[in-house]
Amino acid sequence: MRALDAPARLDRARRLLDTAPPAPLPGQLAVEVDETPPVCEHGNPRCGETPVRPYVQGPRCEAHQPANTRPYFQPPK
């Protein structure tokens, strides 16, 4: 009985894929837009500098990149 249902389900799926998506409404966006720019999250209190780059630890400015703020970091001599 399942073998008989498979062709019908495939036909229904093909019909759904062939239909056009609904027209978007004027002014409708697919994503939410965050108006505030990200700031550096290093330190306590936070640094707050901009521009920043995304890191696993959070957004960081040029001076507070994770490679520069590790406790075992030694600048080259």
C-alpha atoms as a PDB file:
ATOM      1  CA  MET A   1       0.000   0.000   0.000  1.00  0.00           C
ATOM      2  CA  ARG A   2       2.933   2.401   0.679  1.00  0.00           C
ATOM      3  CA  ALA A   3       4.247   1.857  -2.877  1.00  0.00           C
ATOM      4  CA  LEU A   4       0.959   3.221  -4.225  1.00  0.00           C
ATOM      5  CA  ASP A   5       1.199   6.330  -2.026  1.00  0.00           C
ATOM      6  CA  ALA A   6       4.735   7.236  -3.120  1.00  0.00           C
ATOM      7  CA  PRO A   7       3.890   8.340  -6.698  1.00  0.00           C
ATOM      8  CA  ALA A   8       0.999  10.458  -5.455  1.00  0.00           C
ATOM      9  CA  ARG A   9       3.234  12.109  -2.860  1.00  0.00           C
ATOM     10  CA  LEU A  10       5.915  12.779  -5.479  1.00  0.00           C
ATOM     11  CA  ASP A  11       3.374  14.355  -7.820  1.00  0.00           C
ATOM     12  CA  ARG A  12       2.105  16.590  -5.019  1.00  0.00           C
ATOM     13  CA  ALA A  13       5.679  17.624  -4.151  1.00  0.00           C
ATOM     14  CA  ARG A  14       6.404  18.427  -7.808  1.00  0.00           C
ATOM     15  CA  ARG A  15       3.268  20.576  -8.026  1.00  0.00           C
ATOM     16  CA  LEU A  16       4.276  22.466  -4.875  1.00  0.00           C
ATOM     17  CA  LEU A  17       7.772  23.095  -6.234  1.00  0.00           C
ATOM     18  CA  ASP A  18       6.384  24.312  -9.561  1.00  0.00           C
ATOM     19  CA  THR A  19       4.101  26.940  -8.017  1.00  0.00           C
ATOM     20  CA  ALA A  20       5.509  30.463  -7.781  1.00  0.00           C
ATOM     21  CA  PRO A  21       6.175  31.913  -4.321  1.00  0.00           C
ATOM     22  CA  PRO A  22       3.783  34.602  -3.095  1.00  0.00           C
ATOM     23  CA  ALA A  23       4.570  38.163  -4.109  1.00  0.00           C
ATOM     24  CA  PRO A  24       6.390  40.157  -1.414  1.00  0.00           C
ATOM     25  CA  LEU A  25       4.534  43.027   0.217  1.00  0.00           C
ATOM     26  CA  PRO A  26       5.888  46.547  -0.285  1.00  0.00           C
ATOM     27  CA  GLY A  27       8.377  47.401   2.453  1.00  0.00           C
ATOM     28  CA  GLN A  28       8.652  43.807   3.639  1.00  0.00           C
ATOM     29  CA  LEU A  29      12.148  42.596   4.592  1.00  0.00           C
ATOM     30  CA  ALA A  30      13.276  39.038   5.131  1.00  0.00           C
ATOM     31  CA  VAL A  31      15.675  39.983   7.949  1.00  0.00           C
ATOM     32  CA  GLU A  32      15.666  42.220  10.966  1.00  0.00           C
ATOM     33  CA  VAL A  33      18.081  45.141  10.733  1.00  0.00           C
ATOM     34  CA  ASP A  34      20.009  46.207  13.817  1.00  0.00           C
ATOM     35  CA  GLU A  35      20.564  49.959  13.637  1.00  0.00           C
ATOM     36  CA  THR A  36      23.295  50.201  16.292  1.00  0.00           C
ATOM     37  CA  PRO A  37      26.862  49.456  15.140  1.00  0.00           C
ATOM     38  CA  PRO A  38      28.757  46.861  17.200  1.00  0.00           C
ATOM     39  CA  VAL A  39      31.317  48.157  19.715  1.00  0.00           C
ATOM     40  CA  CYS A  40      34.383  46.541  21.310  1.00  0.00           C
ATOM     41  CA  GLU A  41      33.390  44.225  24.183  1.00  0.00           C
ATOM     42  CA  HIS A  42      36.869  43.920  25.718  1.00  0.00           C
ATOM     43  CA  GLY A  43      37.449  44.808  29.368  1.00  0.00           C
ATOM     44  CA  ASN A  44      35.351  45.750  32.366  1.00  0.00           C
ATOM     45  CA  PRO A  45      34.012  48.361  31.711  1.00  0.00           C
ATOM     46  CA  ARG A  46      33.736  47.703  28.010  1.00  0.00           C
ATOM     47  CA  CYS A  47      36.124  49.490  25.653  1.00  0.00           C
ATOM     48  CA  GLY A  48      33.332  50.696  23.353  1.00  0.00           C
ATOM     49  CA  GLU A  49      35.588  51.547  20.370  1.00  0.00           C
ATOM     50  CA  THR A  50      34.460  51.272  16.758  1.00  0.00           C
ATOM     51  CA  PRO A  51      35.099  49.897  14.118  1.00  0.00           C
ATOM     52  CA  VAL A  52      35.302  46.306  15.332  1.00  0.00           C
ATOM     53  CA  ARG A  53      35.805  42.834  13.892  1.00  0.00           C
ATOM     54  CA  PRO A  54      33.792  39.767  14.944  1.00  0.00           C
ATOM     55  CA  TYR A  55      35.578  37.155  17.075  1.00  0.00           C
ATOM     56  CA  VAL A  56      34.398  34.174  19.098  1.00  0.00           C
ATOM     57  CA  GLN A  57      34.975  36.216  22.258  1.00  0.00           C
ATOM     58  CA  GLY A  58      32.800  39.049  20.885  1.00  0.00           C
ATOM     59  CA  PRO A  59      33.438  42.108  18.724  1.00  0.00           C
ATOM     60  CA  ARG A  60      36.926  43.563  19.268  1.00  0.00           C
ATOM     61  CA  CYS A  61      38.683  46.720  18.103  1.00  0.00           C
ATOM     62  CA  GLU A  62      42.129  46.733  16.510  1.00  0.00           C
ATOM     63  CA  ALA A  63      43.933  47.193  19.850  1.00  0.00           C
ATOM     64  CA  HIS A  64      42.024  44.394  21.608  1.00  0.00           C
ATOM     65  CA  GLN A  65      42.248  41.555  19.102  1.00  0.00           C
ATOM     66  CA  PRO A  66      42.416  38.158  20.846  1.00  0.00           C
ATOM     67  CA  ALA A  67      45.958  37.617  19.534  1.00  0.00           C
ATOM     68  CA  ASN A  68      47.071  40.794  21.336  1.00  0.00           C
ATOM     69  CA  THR A  69      45.141  40.338  24.590  1.00  0.00           C
ATOM     70  CA  ARG A  70      46.085  36.771  25.547  1.00  0.00           C
ATOM     71  CA  PRO A  71      47.950  36.648  28.861  1.00  0.00           C
ATOM     72  CA  TYR A  72      50.829  34.701  27.283  1.00  0.00           C
ATOM     73  CA  PHE A  73      51.241  37.043  24.288  1.00  0.00           C
ATOM     74  CA  GLN A  74      54.794  38.302  23.813  1.00  0.00           C
ATOM     75  CA  PRO A  75      55.401  40.908  21.110  1.00  0.00           C
ATOM     76  CA  PRO A  76      58.174  39.963  18.651  1.00  0.00           C
ATOM     77  CA  LYS A  77      61.575  41.491  19.443  1.00  0.00           C
END
